[in-house]
Amino acid sequence: MAWYRQAPGKQRELVASIGGSNTATYTDSVKGRFT
């Protein structure tokens, strides 16, 4: 599963993902701030 976001006038981007084993990945701009 993943979270995406779309800012006004911009393309939708992948923010974070999490696998079935709870392994999470984050885009660089949110690392350390989003969980």
Full PDB file with SEQRES, HELIX, SHEET, SSBOND, CRYST1, ORIGX, SCALE, CONECT and MASTER records, all heavy atoms in Angstrom:
SEQRES   1 A   35  MET ALA TRP TYR ARG GLN ALA PRO GLY LYS GLN ARG GLU          
SEQRES   2 A   35  LEU VAL ALA SER ILE GLY GLY SER ASN THR ALA THR TYR          
SEQRES   3 A   35  THR ASP SER VAL LYS GLY ARG PHE THR                          
HELIX    1 AA1 ASP A   28  VAL A   30  5                                   3    
SHEET    1 AA1 3 ALA A   2  ARG A   5  0                                        
SHEET    2 AA1 3 GLU A  13  ILE A  18 -1                                        
SHEET    3 AA1 3 ALA A  24  TYR A  26 -1                                        
CRYST1    1.000    1.000    1.000  90.00  90.00  90.00 P 1           1          
ORIGX1      1.000000  0.000000  0.000000        0.00000                         
ORIGX2      0.000000  1.000000  0.000000        0.00000                         
ORIGX3      0.000000  0.000000  1.000000        0.00000                         
SCALE1      1.000000  0.000000  0.000000        0.00000                         
SCALE2      0.000000  1.000000  0.000000        0.00000                         
SCALE3      0.000000  0.000000  1.000000        0.00000                         
ATOM      1  N   MET A   1       0.848  -1.190   0.000  1.00  0.00           N  
ATOM      2  CA  MET A   1       0.000   0.000   0.000  1.00  0.00           C  
ATOM      3  C   MET A   1       0.882   1.238   0.000  1.00  0.00           C  
ATOM      4  O   MET A   1       2.042   1.206   0.459  1.00  0.00           O  
ATOM      5  CB  MET A   1      -0.898  -0.001   1.225  1.00  0.00           C  
ATOM      6  CG  MET A   1      -2.033  -1.003   1.145  1.00  0.00           C  
ATOM      7  SD  MET A   1      -3.188  -0.606  -0.194  1.00  0.00           S  
ATOM      8  CE  MET A   1      -3.784   1.018   0.310  1.00  0.00           C  
ATOM      9  N   ALA A   2       0.318   2.330  -0.474  1.00  0.00           N  
ATOM     10  CA  ALA A   2       1.111   3.546  -0.588  1.00  0.00           C  
ATOM     11  C   ALA A   2       0.243   4.783  -0.427  1.00  0.00           C  
ATOM     12  O   ALA A   2      -0.976   4.733  -0.645  1.00  0.00           O  
ATOM     13  CB  ALA A   2       1.819   3.587  -1.940  1.00  0.00           C  
ATOM     14  N   TRP A   3       0.895   5.850  -0.053  1.00  0.00           N  
ATOM     15  CA  TRP A   3       0.287   7.176  -0.056  1.00  0.00           C  
ATOM     16  C   TRP A   3       0.915   7.988  -1.184  1.00  0.00           C  
ATOM     17  O   TRP A   3       2.130   7.958  -1.366  1.00  0.00           O  
ATOM     18  CB  TRP A   3       0.502   7.888   1.279  1.00  0.00           C  
ATOM     19  CG  TRP A   3      -0.450   7.423   2.320  1.00  0.00           C  
ATOM     20  CD1 TRP A   3      -0.231   6.488   3.284  1.00  0.00           C  
ATOM     21  CD2 TRP A   3      -1.809   7.863   2.488  1.00  0.00           C  
ATOM     22  NE1 TRP A   3      -1.365   6.313   4.049  1.00  0.00           N  
ATOM     23  CE2 TRP A   3      -2.347   7.157   3.579  1.00  0.00           C  
ATOM     24  CE3 TRP A   3      -2.621   8.779   1.824  1.00  0.00           C  
ATOM     25  CZ2 TRP A   3      -3.649   7.327   4.031  1.00  0.00           C  
ATOM     26  CZ3 TRP A   3      -3.918   8.958   2.263  1.00  0.00           C  
ATOM     27  CH2 TRP A   3      -4.428   8.247   3.352  1.00  0.00           C  
ATOM     28  N   TYR A   4       0.048   8.695  -1.884  1.00  0.00           N  
ATOM     29  CA  TYR A   4       0.459   9.573  -2.957  1.00  0.00           C  
ATOM     30  C   TYR A   4      -0.082  10.962  -2.631  1.00  0.00           C  
ATOM     31  O   TYR A   4      -0.998  11.109  -1.819  1.00  0.00           O  
ATOM     32  CB  TYR A   4      -0.151   9.119  -4.292  1.00  0.00           C  
ATOM     33  CG  TYR A   4       0.213   7.714  -4.703  1.00  0.00           C  
ATOM     34  CD1 TYR A   4      -0.415   6.605  -4.135  1.00  0.00           C  
ATOM     35  CD2 TYR A   4       1.189   7.481  -5.678  1.00  0.00           C  
ATOM     36  CE1 TYR A   4      -0.089   5.303  -4.519  1.00  0.00           C  
ATOM     37  CE2 TYR A   4       1.527   6.196  -6.062  1.00  0.00           C  
ATOM     38  CZ  TYR A   4       0.879   5.118  -5.476  1.00  0.00           C  
ATOM     39  OH  TYR A   4       1.214   3.835  -5.858  1.00  0.00           O  
ATOM     40  N   ARG A   5       0.464  11.977  -3.264  1.00  0.00           N  
ATOM     41  CA  ARG A   5      -0.092  13.312  -3.089  1.00  0.00           C  
ATOM     42  C   ARG A   5       0.003  14.091  -4.404  1.00  0.00           C  
ATOM     43  O   ARG A   5       0.874  13.827  -5.230  1.00  0.00           O  
ATOM     44  CB  ARG A   5       0.624  14.082  -1.979  1.00  0.00           C  
ATOM     45  CG  ARG A   5       2.071  14.433  -2.263  1.00  0.00           C  
ATOM     46  CD  ARG A   5       2.715  15.076  -1.035  1.00  0.00           C  
ATOM     47  NE  ARG A   5       4.120  15.410  -1.267  1.00  0.00           N  
ATOM     48  CZ  ARG A   5       4.936  15.861  -0.316  1.00  0.00           C  
ATOM     49  NH1 ARG A   5       4.489  16.043   0.924  1.00  0.00           N  
ATOM     50  NH2 ARG A   5       6.192  16.143  -0.612  1.00  0.00           N  
ATOM     51  N   GLN A   6      -0.924  15.019  -4.536  1.00  0.00           N  
ATOM     52  CA  GLN A   6      -0.934  15.865  -5.720  1.00  0.00           C  
ATOM     53  C   GLN A   6      -1.129  17.307  -5.278  1.00  0.00           C  
ATOM     54  O   GLN A   6      -2.181  17.660  -4.728  1.00  0.00           O  
ATOM     55  CB  GLN A   6      -2.040  15.453  -6.690  1.00  0.00           C  
ATOM     56  CG  GLN A   6      -1.979  16.202  -8.013  1.00  0.00           C  
ATOM     57  CD  GLN A   6      -2.845  15.566  -9.078  1.00  0.00           C  
ATOM     58  OE1 GLN A   6      -3.756  14.789  -8.803  1.00  0.00           O  
ATOM     59  NE2 GLN A   6      -2.555  15.877 -10.341  1.00  0.00           N  
ATOM     60  N   ALA A   7      -0.119  18.092  -5.511  1.00  0.00           N  
ATOM     61  CA  ALA A   7      -0.170  19.519  -5.199  1.00  0.00           C  
ATOM     62  C   ALA A   7      -0.783  20.265  -6.383  1.00  0.00           C  
ATOM     63  O   ALA A   7      -0.746  19.776  -7.517  1.00  0.00           O  
ATOM     64  CB  ALA A   7       1.222  20.036  -4.901  1.00  0.00           C  
ATOM     65  N   PRO A   8      -1.329  21.434  -6.138  1.00  0.00           N  
ATOM     66  CA  PRO A   8      -1.941  22.203  -7.233  1.00  0.00           C  
ATOM     67  C   PRO A   8      -0.968  22.424  -8.382  1.00  0.00           C  
ATOM     68  O   PRO A   8       0.168  22.859  -8.174  1.00  0.00           O  
ATOM     69  CB  PRO A   8      -2.307  23.532  -6.560  1.00  0.00           C  
ATOM     70  CG  PRO A   8      -2.488  23.190  -5.116  1.00  0.00           C  
ATOM     71  CD  PRO A   8      -1.474  22.117  -4.843  1.00  0.00           C  
ATOM     72  N   GLY A   9      -1.400  22.086  -9.588  1.00  0.00           N  
ATOM     73  CA  GLY A   9      -0.590  22.294 -10.770  1.00  0.00           C  
ATOM     74  C   GLY A   9       0.548  21.316 -10.950  1.00  0.00           C  
ATOM     75  O   GLY A   9       1.381  21.491 -11.856  1.00  0.00           O  
ATOM     76  N   LYS A  10       0.607  20.281 -10.124  1.00  0.00           N  
ATOM     77  CA  LYS A  10       1.706  19.325 -10.211  1.00  0.00           C  
ATOM     78  C   LYS A  10       1.172  17.917 -10.423  1.00  0.00           C  
ATOM     79  O   LYS A  10       0.000  17.635 -10.191  1.00  0.00           O  
ATOM     80  CB  LYS A  10       2.573  19.383  -8.957  1.00  0.00           C  
ATOM     81  CG  LYS A  10       3.297  20.704  -8.775  1.00  0.00           C  
ATOM     82  CD  LYS A  10       4.285  20.622  -7.635  1.00  0.00           C  
ATOM     83  CE  LYS A  10       5.080  21.915  -7.505  1.00  0.00           C  
ATOM     84  NZ  LYS A  10       6.084  21.841  -6.413  1.00  0.00           N  
ATOM     85  N   GLN A  11       2.044  17.029 -10.846  1.00  0.00           N  
ATOM     86  CA  GLN A  11       1.663  15.637 -11.023  1.00  0.00           C  
ATOM     87  C   GLN A  11       1.588  14.923  -9.685  1.00  0.00           C  
ATOM     88  O   GLN A  11       2.242  15.313  -8.715  1.00  0.00           O  
ATOM     89  CB  GLN A  11       2.688  14.932 -11.933  1.00  0.00           C  
ATOM     90  CG  GLN A  11       2.620  15.366 -13.381  1.00  0.00           C  
ATOM     91  CD  GLN A  11       3.493  14.501 -14.273  1.00  0.00           C  
ATOM     92  OE1 GLN A  11       4.518  13.980 -13.834  1.00  0.00           O  
ATOM     93  NE2 GLN A  11       3.106  14.353 -15.524  1.00  0.00           N  
ATOM     94  N   ARG A  12       0.791  13.883  -9.653  1.00  0.00           N  
ATOM     95  CA  ARG A  12       0.698  13.071  -8.459  1.00  0.00           C  
ATOM     96  C   ARG A  12       2.030  12.380  -8.219  1.00  0.00           C  
ATOM     97  O   ARG A  12       2.659  11.882  -9.152  1.00  0.00           O  
ATOM     98  CB  ARG A  12      -0.415  12.035  -8.631  1.00  0.00           C  
ATOM     99  CG  ARG A  12      -0.881  11.369  -7.359  1.00  0.00           C  
ATOM    100  CD  ARG A  12      -2.142  10.569  -7.636  1.00  0.00           C  
ATOM    101  NE  ARG A  12      -3.251  11.430  -8.019  1.00  0.00           N  
ATOM    102  CZ  ARG A  12      -4.449  10.984  -8.360  1.00  0.00           C  
ATOM    103  NH1 ARG A  12      -4.680   9.687  -8.393  1.00  0.00           N  
ATOM    104  NH2 ARG A  12      -5.402  11.808  -8.696  1.00  0.00           N  
ATOM    105  N   GLU A  13       2.469  12.334  -6.966  1.00  0.00           N  
ATOM    106  CA  GLU A  13       3.748  11.711  -6.642  1.00  0.00           C  
ATOM    107  C   GLU A  13       3.584  10.705  -5.508  1.00  0.00           C  
ATOM    108  O   GLU A  13       2.723  10.835  -4.637  1.00  0.00           O  
ATOM    109  CB  GLU A  13       4.788  12.766  -6.247  1.00  0.00           C  
ATOM    110  CG  GLU A  13       4.483  13.506  -4.968  1.00  0.00           C  
ATOM    111  CD  GLU A  13       5.645  14.351  -4.444  1.00  0.00           C  
ATOM    112  OE1 GLU A  13       6.806  14.097  -4.824  1.00  0.00           O  
ATOM    113  OE2 GLU A  13       5.370  15.271  -3.645  1.00  0.00           O  
ATOM    114  N   LEU A  14       4.454   9.705  -5.536  1.00  0.00           N  
ATOM    115  CA  LEU A  14       4.490   8.702  -4.486  1.00  0.00           C  
ATOM    116  C   LEU A  14       5.199   9.274  -3.269  1.00  0.00           C  
ATOM    117  O   LEU A  14       6.307   9.786  -3.382  1.00  0.00           O  
ATOM    118  CB  LEU A  14       5.206   7.441  -4.983  1.00  0.00           C  
ATOM    119  CG  LEU A  14       5.440   6.331  -3.979  1.00  0.00           C  
ATOM    120  CD1 LEU A  14       4.127   5.745  -3.494  1.00  0.00           C  
ATOM    121  CD2 LEU A  14       6.306   5.238  -4.616  1.00  0.00           C  
ATOM    122  N   VAL A  15       4.571   9.176  -2.109  1.00  0.00           N  
ATOM    123  CA  VAL A  15       5.129   9.728  -0.878  1.00  0.00           C  
ATOM    124  C   VAL A  15       5.734   8.639  -0.004  1.00  0.00           C  
ATOM    125  O   VAL A  15       6.845   8.779   0.499  1.00  0.00           O  
ATOM    126  CB  VAL A  15       4.035  10.477  -0.087  1.00  0.00           C  
ATOM    127  CG1 VAL A  15       4.580  10.964   1.252  1.00  0.00           C  
ATOM    128  CG2 VAL A  15       3.489  11.639  -0.909  1.00  0.00           C  
ATOM    129  N   ALA A  16       4.996   7.557   0.200  1.00  0.00           N  
ATOM    130  CA  ALA A  16       5.453   6.490   1.092  1.00  0.00           C  
ATOM    131  C   ALA A  16       4.757   5.197   0.710  1.00  0.00           C  
ATOM    132  O   ALA A  16       3.639   5.217   0.198  1.00  0.00           O  
ATOM    133  CB  ALA A  16       5.163   6.842   2.547  1.00  0.00           C  
ATOM    134  N   SER A  17       5.410   4.099   0.989  1.00  0.00           N  
ATOM    135  CA  SER A  17       4.808   2.791   0.731  1.00  0.00           C  
ATOM    136  C   SER A  17       5.110   1.866   1.892  1.00  0.00           C  
ATOM    137  O   SER A  17       6.081   2.060   2.631  1.00  0.00           O  
ATOM    138  CB  SER A  17       5.314   2.195  -0.581  1.00  0.00           C  
ATOM    139  OG  SER A  17       6.682   1.904  -0.492  1.00  0.00           O  
ATOM    140  N   ILE A  18       4.284   0.832   2.027  1.00  0.00           N  
ATOM    141  CA  ILE A  18       4.493  -0.146   3.087  1.00  0.00           C  
ATOM    142  C   ILE A  18       4.064  -1.510   2.582  1.00  0.00           C  
ATOM    143  O   ILE A  18       2.988  -1.677   2.006  1.00  0.00           O  
ATOM    144  CB  ILE A  18       3.730   0.256   4.367  1.00  0.00           C  
ATOM    145  CG1 ILE A  18       4.066  -0.690   5.522  1.00  0.00           C  
ATOM    146  CG2 ILE A  18       2.228   0.341   4.124  1.00  0.00           C  
ATOM    147  CD1 ILE A  18       3.616  -0.173   6.881  1.00  0.00           C  
ATOM    148  N   GLY A  19       4.931  -2.502   2.805  1.00  0.00           N  
ATOM    149  CA  GLY A  19       4.638  -3.848   2.366  1.00  0.00           C  
ATOM    150  C   GLY A  19       3.947  -4.651   3.460  1.00  0.00           C  
ATOM    151  O   GLY A  19       3.740  -4.190   4.573  1.00  0.00           O  
ATOM    152  N   GLY A  20       3.601  -5.875   3.106  1.00  0.00           N  
ATOM    153  CA  GLY A  20       2.912  -6.730   4.056  1.00  0.00           C  
ATOM    154  C   GLY A  20       3.711  -7.018   5.309  1.00  0.00           C  
ATOM    155  O   GLY A  20       3.150  -7.265   6.372  1.00  0.00           O  
ATOM    156  N   SER A  21       5.035  -6.965   5.192  1.00  0.00           N  
ATOM    157  CA  SER A  21       5.898  -7.196   6.352  1.00  0.00           C  
ATOM    158  C   SER A  21       6.206  -5.911   7.094  1.00  0.00           C  
ATOM    159  O   SER A  21       7.093  -5.872   7.943  1.00  0.00           O  
ATOM    160  CB  SER A  21       7.207  -7.841   5.888  1.00  0.00           C  
ATOM    161  OG  SER A  21       7.859  -7.001   4.962  1.00  0.00           O  
ATOM    162  N   ASN A  22       5.465  -4.847   6.750  1.00  0.00           N  
ATOM    163  CA  ASN A  22       5.645  -3.526   7.370  1.00  0.00           C  
ATOM    164  C   ASN A  22       6.950  -2.840   7.009  1.00  0.00           C  
ATOM    165  O   ASN A  22       7.377  -1.927   7.709  1.00  0.00           O  
ATOM    166  CB  ASN A  22       5.496  -3.592   8.892  1.00  0.00           C  
ATOM    167  CG  ASN A  22       4.044  -3.776   9.311  1.00  0.00           C  
ATOM    168  OD1 ASN A  22       3.129  -3.291   8.654  1.00  0.00           O  
ATOM    169  ND2 ASN A  22       3.838  -4.500  10.396  1.00  0.00           N  
ATOM    170  N   THR A  23       7.564  -3.270   5.929  1.00  0.00           N  
ATOM    171  CA  THR A  23       8.736  -2.559   5.426  1.00  0.00           C  
ATOM    172  C   THR A  23       8.263  -1.290   4.731  1.00  0.00           C  
ATOM    173  O   THR A  23       7.460  -1.348   3.805  1.00  0.00           O  
ATOM    174  CB  THR A  23       9.505  -3.435   4.429  1.00  0.00           C  
ATOM    175  OG1 THR A  23       9.920  -4.626   5.093  1.00  0.00           O  
ATOM    176  CG2 THR A  23      10.723  -2.696   3.904  1.00  0.00           C  
ATOM    177  N   ALA A  24       8.766  -0.151   5.182  1.00  0.00           N  
ATOM    178  CA  ALA A  24       8.301   1.143   4.663  1.00  0.00           C  
ATOM    179  C   ALA A  24       9.398   1.846   3.875  1.00  0.00           C  
ATOM    180  O   ALA A  24      10.586   1.710   4.187  1.00  0.00           O  
ATOM    181  CB  ALA A  24       7.839   2.039   5.813  1.00  0.00           C  
ATOM    182  N   THR A  25       8.982   2.574   2.859  1.00  0.00           N  
ATOM    183  CA  THR A  25       9.904   3.426   2.096  1.00  0.00           C  
ATOM    184  C   THR A  25       9.274   4.801   1.981  1.00  0.00           C  
ATOM    185  O   THR A  25       8.044   4.943   2.015  1.00  0.00           O  
ATOM    186  CB  THR A  25      10.179   2.857   0.696  1.00  0.00           C  
ATOM    187  OG1 THR A  25       8.946   2.811  -0.042  1.00  0.00           O  
ATOM    188  CG2 THR A  25      10.760   1.460   0.765  1.00  0.00           C  
ATOM    189  N   TYR A  26      10.120   5.815   1.825  1.00  0.00           N  
ATOM    190  CA  TYR A  26       9.666   7.197   1.776  1.00  0.00           C  
ATOM    191  C   TYR A  26      10.410   7.961   0.696  1.00  0.00           C  
ATOM    192  O   TYR A  26      11.596   7.713   0.448  1.00  0.00           O  
ATOM    193  CB  TYR A  26       9.905   7.895   3.119  1.00  0.00           C  
ATOM    194  CG  TYR A  26       9.228   7.228   4.291  1.00  0.00           C  
ATOM    195  CD1 TYR A  26       9.875   6.252   5.030  1.00  0.00           C  
ATOM    196  CD2 TYR A  26       7.933   7.583   4.653  1.00  0.00           C  
ATOM    197  CE1 TYR A  26       9.248   5.620   6.095  1.00  0.00           C  
ATOM    198  CE2 TYR A  26       7.295   6.974   5.721  1.00  0.00           C  
ATOM    199  CZ  TYR A  26       7.956   5.990   6.432  1.00  0.00           C  
ATOM    200  OH  TYR A  26       7.322   5.376   7.494  1.00  0.00           O  
ATOM    201  N   THR A  27       9.724   8.906   0.097  1.00  0.00           N  
ATOM    202  CA  THR A  27      10.415   9.807  -0.796  1.00  0.00           C  
ATOM    203  C   THR A  27      11.307  10.718   0.057  1.00  0.00           C  
ATOM    204  O   THR A  27      11.012  10.974   1.235  1.00  0.00           O  
ATOM    205  CB  THR A  27       9.413  10.641  -1.626  1.00  0.00           C  
ATOM    206  OG1 THR A  27      10.100  11.327  -2.663  1.00  0.00           O  
ATOM    207  CG2 THR A  27       8.671  11.653  -0.769  1.00  0.00           C  
ATOM    208  N   ASP A  28      12.418  11.163  -0.525  1.00  0.00           N  
ATOM    209  CA  ASP A  28      13.419  11.882   0.260  1.00  0.00           C  
ATOM    210  C   ASP A  28      12.860  13.093   1.003  1.00  0.00           C  
ATOM    211  O   ASP A  28      13.266  13.397   2.124  1.00  0.00           O  
ATOM    212  CB  ASP A  28      14.568  12.334  -0.653  1.00  0.00           C  
ATOM    213  CG  ASP A  28      15.481  11.185  -1.055  1.00  0.00           C  
ATOM    214  OD1 ASP A  28      15.384  10.092  -0.446  1.00  0.00           O  
ATOM    215  OD2 ASP A  28      16.284  11.367  -1.977  1.00  0.00           O  
ATOM    216  N   SER A  29      11.924  13.786   0.396  1.00  0.00           N  
ATOM    217  CA  SER A  29      11.441  15.041   0.979  1.00  0.00           C  
ATOM    218  C   SER A  29      10.647  14.852   2.270  1.00  0.00           C  
ATOM    219  O   SER A  29      10.425  15.818   3.002  1.00  0.00           O  
ATOM    220  CB  SER A  29      10.592  15.796  -0.041  1.00  0.00           C  
ATOM    221  OG  SER A  29       9.432  15.070  -0.372  1.00  0.00           O  
ATOM    222  N   VAL A  30      10.214  13.624   2.560  1.00  0.00           N  
ATOM    223  CA  VAL A  30       9.422  13.404   3.781  1.00  0.00           C  
ATOM    224  C   VAL A  30      10.119  12.490   4.778  1.00  0.00           C  
ATOM    225  O   VAL A  30       9.590  12.256   5.874  1.00  0.00           O  
ATOM    226  CB  VAL A  30       8.020  12.840   3.452  1.00  0.00           C  
ATOM    227  CG1 VAL A  30       7.322  13.703   2.414  1.00  0.00           C  
ATOM    228  CG2 VAL A  30       8.088  11.390   3.001  1.00  0.00           C  
ATOM    229  N   LYS A  31      11.282  11.988   4.440  1.00  0.00           N  
ATOM    230  CA  LYS A  31      11.995  11.084   5.355  1.00  0.00           C  
ATOM    231  C   LYS A  31      12.258  11.768   6.682  1.00  0.00           C  
ATOM    232  O   LYS A  31      12.695  12.922   6.727  1.00  0.00           O  
ATOM    233  CB  LYS A  31      13.317  10.641   4.721  1.00  0.00           C  
ATOM    234  CG  LYS A  31      13.169   9.569   3.658  1.00  0.00           C  
ATOM    235  CD  LYS A  31      14.519   9.171   3.074  1.00  0.00           C  
ATOM    236  CE  LYS A  31      14.359   8.110   2.007  1.00  0.00           C  
ATOM    237  NZ  LYS A  31      15.655   7.762   1.371  1.00  0.00           N  
ATOM    238  N   GLY A  32      11.978  11.034   7.754  1.00  0.00           N  
ATOM    239  CA  GLY A  32      12.185  11.581   9.092  1.00  0.00           C  
ATOM    240  C   GLY A  32      11.031  12.426   9.596  1.00  0.00           C  
ATOM    241  O   GLY A  32      11.007  12.814  10.766  1.00  0.00           O  
ATOM    242  N   ARG A  33      10.067  12.711   8.718  1.00  0.00           N  
ATOM    243  CA  ARG A  33       8.919  13.538   9.123  1.00  0.00           C  
ATOM    244  C   ARG A  33       7.601  12.781   9.023  1.00  0.00           C  
ATOM    245  O   ARG A  33       6.684  13.035   9.799  1.00  0.00           O  
ATOM    246  CB  ARG A  33       8.842  14.796   8.238  1.00  0.00           C  
ATOM    247  CG  ARG A  33      10.076  15.662   8.292  1.00  0.00           C  
ATOM    248  CD  ARG A  33       9.855  16.992   7.566  1.00  0.00           C  
ATOM    249  NE  ARG A  33       9.553  16.843   6.156  1.00  0.00           N  
ATOM    250  CZ  ARG A  33       8.442  17.264   5.579  1.00  0.00           C  
ATOM    251  NH1 ARG A  33       7.491  17.852   6.297  1.00  0.00           N  
ATOM    252  NH2 ARG A  33       8.257  17.114   4.266  1.00  0.00           N  
ATOM    253  N   PHE A  34       7.492  11.878   8.077  1.00  0.00           N  
ATOM    254  CA  PHE A  34       6.250  11.122   7.865  1.00  0.00           C  
ATOM    255  C   PHE A  34       6.452   9.672   8.270  1.00  0.00           C  
ATOM    256  O   PHE A  34       7.536   9.116   8.100  1.00  0.00           O  
ATOM    257  CB  PHE A  34       5.836  11.164   6.392  1.00  0.00           C  
ATOM    258  CG  PHE A  34       5.338  12.503   5.904  1.00  0.00           C  
ATOM    259  CD1 PHE A  34       5.502  13.670   6.628  1.00  0.00           C  
ATOM    260  CD2 PHE A  34       4.678  12.590   4.680  1.00  0.00           C  
ATOM    261  CE1 PHE A  34       5.043  14.889   6.174  1.00  0.00           C  
ATOM    262  CE2 PHE A  34       4.217  13.804   4.195  1.00  0.00           C  
ATOM    263  CZ  PHE A  34       4.406  14.956   4.954  1.00  0.00           C  
ATOM    264  N   THR A  35       5.394   9.053   8.762  1.00  0.00           N  
ATOM    265  CA  THR A  35       5.425   7.645   9.118  1.00  0.00           C  
ATOM    266  C   THR A  35       4.171   6.962   8.584  1.00  0.00           C  
ATOM    267  O   THR A  35       3.052   7.363   8.910  1.00  0.00           O  
ATOM    268  CB  THR A  35       5.483   7.448  10.641  1.00  0.00           C  
ATOM    269  OG1 THR A  35       6.647   8.105  11.159  1.00  0.00           O  
ATOM    270  CG2 THR A  35       5.561   5.958  10.987  1.00  0.00           C  
TER     271      THR A  35                                                      
MASTER        0    0    0    1    3    0    0    6  270    1    0    3          
END                                                                             
